Each structure stands twice: as structure tokens, then as C-alpha cells.
N, C-alpha and C. Protein backbone atom coordinates (compact mmCIF):
# COMPACT_ATOMS: atom_id res chain seq x y z
N UNK A 1 107.75 116.04 96.93
CA UNK A 1 107.15 114.57 96.00
C UNK A 1 105.72 115.85 95.24
N UNK A 2 105.46 115.96 94.34
CA UNK A 2 105.20 117.34 93.69
C UNK A 2 103.28 116.51 93.23
N UNK A 3 102.30 117.12 93.33
CA UNK A 3 102.22 116.03 91.93
C UNK A 3 100.95 116.98 90.98
N UNK A 4 101.24 116.26 89.57
CA UNK A 4 100.76 117.49 88.98
C UNK A 4 99.60 116.83 88.22
N UNK A 5 98.88 117.64 87.77
CA UNK A 5 97.53 117.19 86.99
C UNK A 5 97.42 117.34 85.38
N UNK A 6 97.29 116.16 84.07
CA UNK A 6 97.65 116.24 83.31
C UNK A 6 95.62 116.11 82.91
N UNK A 7 94.74 116.63 81.99
CA UNK A 7 93.37 116.27 81.50
C UNK A 7 93.58 116.11 81.15
N UNK A 8 92.97 114.56 80.81
CA UNK A 8 92.27 113.80 79.54
C UNK A 8 91.66 114.08 78.76
N UNK A 9 90.17 114.24 79.13
CA UNK A 9 89.20 114.85 77.96
C UNK A 9 88.27 115.36 79.01
N UNK A 10 87.93 116.44 78.07
CA UNK A 10 86.98 117.07 78.04
C UNK A 10 85.21 116.99 77.71
N UNK A 11 84.25 117.02 78.15
CA UNK A 11 83.67 116.62 77.70
C UNK A 11 81.90 117.72 78.08
N UNK A 12 81.35 117.96 76.61
CA UNK A 12 79.74 119.07 77.66
C UNK A 12 79.01 117.91 77.91
N UNK A 13 77.90 118.01 78.81
CA UNK A 13 77.20 117.23 79.90
C UNK A 13 75.95 117.83 79.08
N UNK A 14 74.44 117.63 78.72
CA UNK A 14 73.91 118.00 78.67
C UNK A 14 71.98 117.45 78.85
N UNK A 15 71.49 118.30 80.00
CA UNK A 15 70.69 117.69 81.30
C UNK A 15 69.63 117.89 80.19
N UNK A 16 68.15 117.45 79.94
CA UNK A 16 67.32 117.46 80.08
C UNK A 16 66.01 116.87 80.24
N UNK A 17 65.46 117.95 80.99
CA UNK A 17 63.86 117.47 81.53
C UNK A 17 62.52 116.28 81.20
N UNK A 18 62.05 115.51 81.42
CA UNK A 18 61.87 114.85 79.99
C UNK A 18 60.01 114.64 81.17
N UNK A 19 59.73 115.85 81.98
CA UNK A 19 58.61 115.68 83.08
C UNK A 19 58.63 115.14 84.64
N UNK A 20 57.00 114.58 84.81
CA UNK A 20 56.88 113.76 86.48
C UNK A 20 56.44 112.74 85.83
N UNK A 21 57.34 111.24 86.41
CA UNK A 21 57.05 110.02 86.27
C UNK A 21 57.09 109.67 87.63
N UNK A 22 55.53 109.13 88.03
CA UNK A 22 55.48 108.84 89.52
C UNK A 22 56.08 109.55 90.43
N UNK A 23 55.56 110.71 90.06
CA UNK A 23 55.77 111.42 91.18
C UNK A 23 57.49 112.82 91.15
N UNK A 24 58.04 111.82 90.74
CA UNK A 24 59.50 112.53 90.16
C UNK A 24 59.77 112.60 88.89
N UNK A 25 60.66 113.52 89.15
CA UNK A 25 61.07 114.31 88.13
C UNK A 25 62.17 113.63 87.17
N UNK A 26 61.74 113.30 85.81
CA UNK A 26 62.79 112.43 85.24
C UNK A 26 63.91 113.45 83.84
N UNK A 27 65.26 113.46 84.39
CA UNK A 27 66.13 113.48 83.89
C UNK A 27 66.84 112.66 83.28
N UNK A 28 67.73 113.10 82.22
CA UNK A 28 68.26 112.45 81.12
C UNK A 28 69.03 112.85 80.39
N UNK A 29 71.18 112.56 80.86
CA UNK A 29 71.87 113.01 80.03
C UNK A 29 72.39 113.02 78.88
N UNK A 30 73.61 113.49 77.97
CA UNK A 30 73.69 113.35 76.94
C UNK A 30 75.35 113.79 77.26
N UNK A 31 76.22 113.78 77.12
CA UNK A 31 77.62 114.02 77.27
C UNK A 31 78.18 113.21 75.55
N UNK A 32 78.34 114.69 75.55
CA UNK A 32 79.64 114.73 73.82
C UNK A 32 81.03 115.75 74.25
N UNK A 33 81.43 113.85 74.15
CA UNK A 33 83.64 113.83 74.15
C UNK A 33 83.98 114.54 73.10
N UNK A 34 85.17 114.69 73.36
CA UNK A 34 85.86 115.05 72.81
C UNK A 34 86.98 116.86 72.38
N UNK A 35 85.96 117.31 73.40
CA UNK A 35 86.04 119.00 72.91
C UNK A 35 87.22 118.96 73.16
N UNK A 36 87.40 119.96 72.54
CA UNK A 36 89.09 120.75 72.50
C UNK A 36 89.36 121.23 73.39
N UNK A 37 90.55 121.34 74.12
CA UNK A 37 90.97 121.85 74.96
C UNK A 37 91.22 123.55 75.15
N UNK A 38 90.77 123.70 74.01
CA UNK A 38 91.03 125.09 73.79
C UNK A 38 89.60 126.04 73.72
N UNK A 39 88.64 124.88 73.34
CA UNK A 39 87.54 125.99 72.94
C UNK A 39 87.10 126.31 74.39
N UNK A 40 86.58 127.16 74.85
CA UNK A 40 86.03 128.82 75.01
C UNK A 40 84.69 128.68 75.48
N UNK A 41 84.09 128.57 76.17
CA UNK A 41 83.24 128.31 77.54
C UNK A 41 82.27 129.36 77.27
N UNK A 42 82.12 130.42 76.11
CA UNK A 42 81.22 130.78 74.98
C UNK A 42 81.15 129.85 74.06
N UNK A 43 81.93 129.49 73.80
CA UNK A 43 81.96 127.95 72.06
C UNK A 43 80.81 126.91 72.72
N UNK A 44 81.84 126.85 73.70
CA UNK A 44 80.95 125.82 74.54
C UNK A 44 79.34 125.56 74.80
N UNK A 45 78.82 126.77 75.07
CA UNK A 45 77.62 127.32 75.11
C UNK A 45 76.97 127.40 73.73
N UNK A 46 78.01 128.01 73.16
CA UNK A 46 77.01 128.22 71.63
C UNK A 46 76.33 126.84 71.31
N UNK A 47 77.07 125.75 71.27
CA UNK A 47 77.89 124.69 70.80
C UNK A 47 75.84 124.63 71.28
N UNK A 48 75.95 124.00 72.67
CA UNK A 48 74.94 123.99 73.52
C UNK A 48 73.52 124.55 73.44
N UNK A 49 73.66 125.38 72.92
CA UNK A 49 72.15 125.94 72.57
C UNK A 49 71.80 125.61 71.32
N UNK A 50 72.48 125.82 70.12
CA UNK A 50 72.51 124.96 68.92
C UNK A 50 72.13 123.49 69.04
N UNK A 51 72.58 123.08 69.71
CA UNK A 51 71.96 121.38 70.06
C UNK A 51 71.17 121.31 70.56
N UNK A 52 70.24 122.38 71.58
CA UNK A 52 69.31 122.02 72.27
C UNK A 52 67.55 122.79 71.51
N UNK A 53 68.40 123.74 70.52
CA UNK A 53 67.57 124.34 70.02
C UNK A 53 67.07 122.56 69.16
N UNK A 54 67.94 121.82 68.50
CA UNK A 54 67.15 120.75 68.02
C UNK A 54 66.50 119.21 68.23
N UNK A 55 66.57 119.91 69.48
CA UNK A 55 65.92 118.55 70.19
C UNK A 55 64.76 118.67 71.55
N UNK A 56 63.76 117.75 71.27
CA UNK A 56 63.40 117.84 72.60
C UNK A 56 62.95 116.57 73.50
N UNK A 57 62.54 116.79 75.05
CA UNK A 57 62.54 117.88 74.85
C UNK A 57 63.65 118.43 75.35
N UNK A 58 63.33 120.27 75.48
CA UNK A 58 64.96 120.95 75.83
C UNK A 58 65.83 120.53 76.83
N UNK A 59 66.61 121.15 76.89
CA UNK A 59 68.07 120.63 77.70
C UNK A 59 67.55 121.35 78.69
N UNK A 60 68.09 121.80 79.89
CA UNK A 60 67.75 122.17 81.23
C UNK A 60 69.21 122.83 82.09
N UNK A 61 70.64 122.12 81.16
CA UNK A 61 71.78 122.30 82.32
C UNK A 61 72.72 121.73 81.43
N UNK A 62 73.81 122.68 80.64
CA UNK A 62 74.80 122.40 80.26
C UNK A 62 76.25 122.18 80.86
N UNK A 63 76.60 120.99 81.68
CA UNK A 63 77.81 121.17 82.42
C UNK A 63 79.39 120.52 81.51
N UNK A 64 80.35 120.92 81.69
CA UNK A 64 81.46 120.89 81.38
C UNK A 64 81.90 119.51 82.01
N UNK A 65 82.59 118.86 81.82
CA UNK A 65 83.33 117.27 81.98
C UNK A 65 84.46 117.45 81.76
N UNK A 66 85.53 117.33 82.75
CA UNK A 66 86.84 117.01 82.92
C UNK A 66 87.48 115.91 83.65
N UNK A 67 87.97 115.47 83.16
CA UNK A 67 88.74 113.58 83.70
C UNK A 67 90.15 114.30 82.87
N UNK A 68 90.87 114.02 84.65
CA UNK A 68 91.98 114.31 84.53
C UNK A 68 92.44 113.66 85.47
N UNK A 69 93.77 113.42 85.42
CA UNK A 69 94.49 112.23 86.04
C UNK A 69 95.24 112.50 86.89
N UNK A 70 96.04 112.55 88.11
CA UNK A 70 96.84 112.50 88.95
C UNK A 70 98.12 112.42 89.39
N UNK A 71 98.87 112.53 88.85
CA UNK A 71 101.04 112.00 88.83
C UNK A 71 101.67 112.79 90.01
N UNK A 72 102.02 111.44 91.08
CA UNK A 72 103.26 112.19 91.42
C UNK A 72 104.54 112.25 90.58
N UNK A 73 105.55 113.51 90.78
CA UNK A 73 106.49 113.23 90.20
C UNK A 73 107.72 113.75 91.05
N UNK A 74 108.83 113.56 90.86
CA UNK A 74 110.17 113.38 91.80
C UNK A 74 110.51 114.82 91.97
């Protein structure tokens, strides 16, 4: 049997550094869902930079989050 991979959703995750609290780095993340499957890496990074310019503190990382389903085919 073969296994097929189906993309369920794509999102963009931004991680921001809020400084040090009790000796540990405090990071928070925000995920923007429903990114179009046709979106290029360049477009996603441009969106990340545009959103980063509007927020405090600035983001330090950008991730593409893909949720996929594995299905057995006959």
C-alpha cells in the first residue's frame, strides 16, 4: 500500500522576543492561518517583514507551519 500526503492547512508563525524574565528569555508566538498554498517563500517573508514593522517588540523568527494528513491508498 502506498501512503499519500495531503496538505490540510498552511500558516505563518512569528516569534517575538520579549526580553528576559527571571533569568529566562520570554518568547511569544503568533500564527496567522489560511496562507494560500500558492504563496511563495518570498511573499510570505515580505508579509512577515510588513507585519513586523507594525508591532513591538520586533519579531525574531518566521516559520511556515504546514499541517498534512497521511492517508493509505490501495
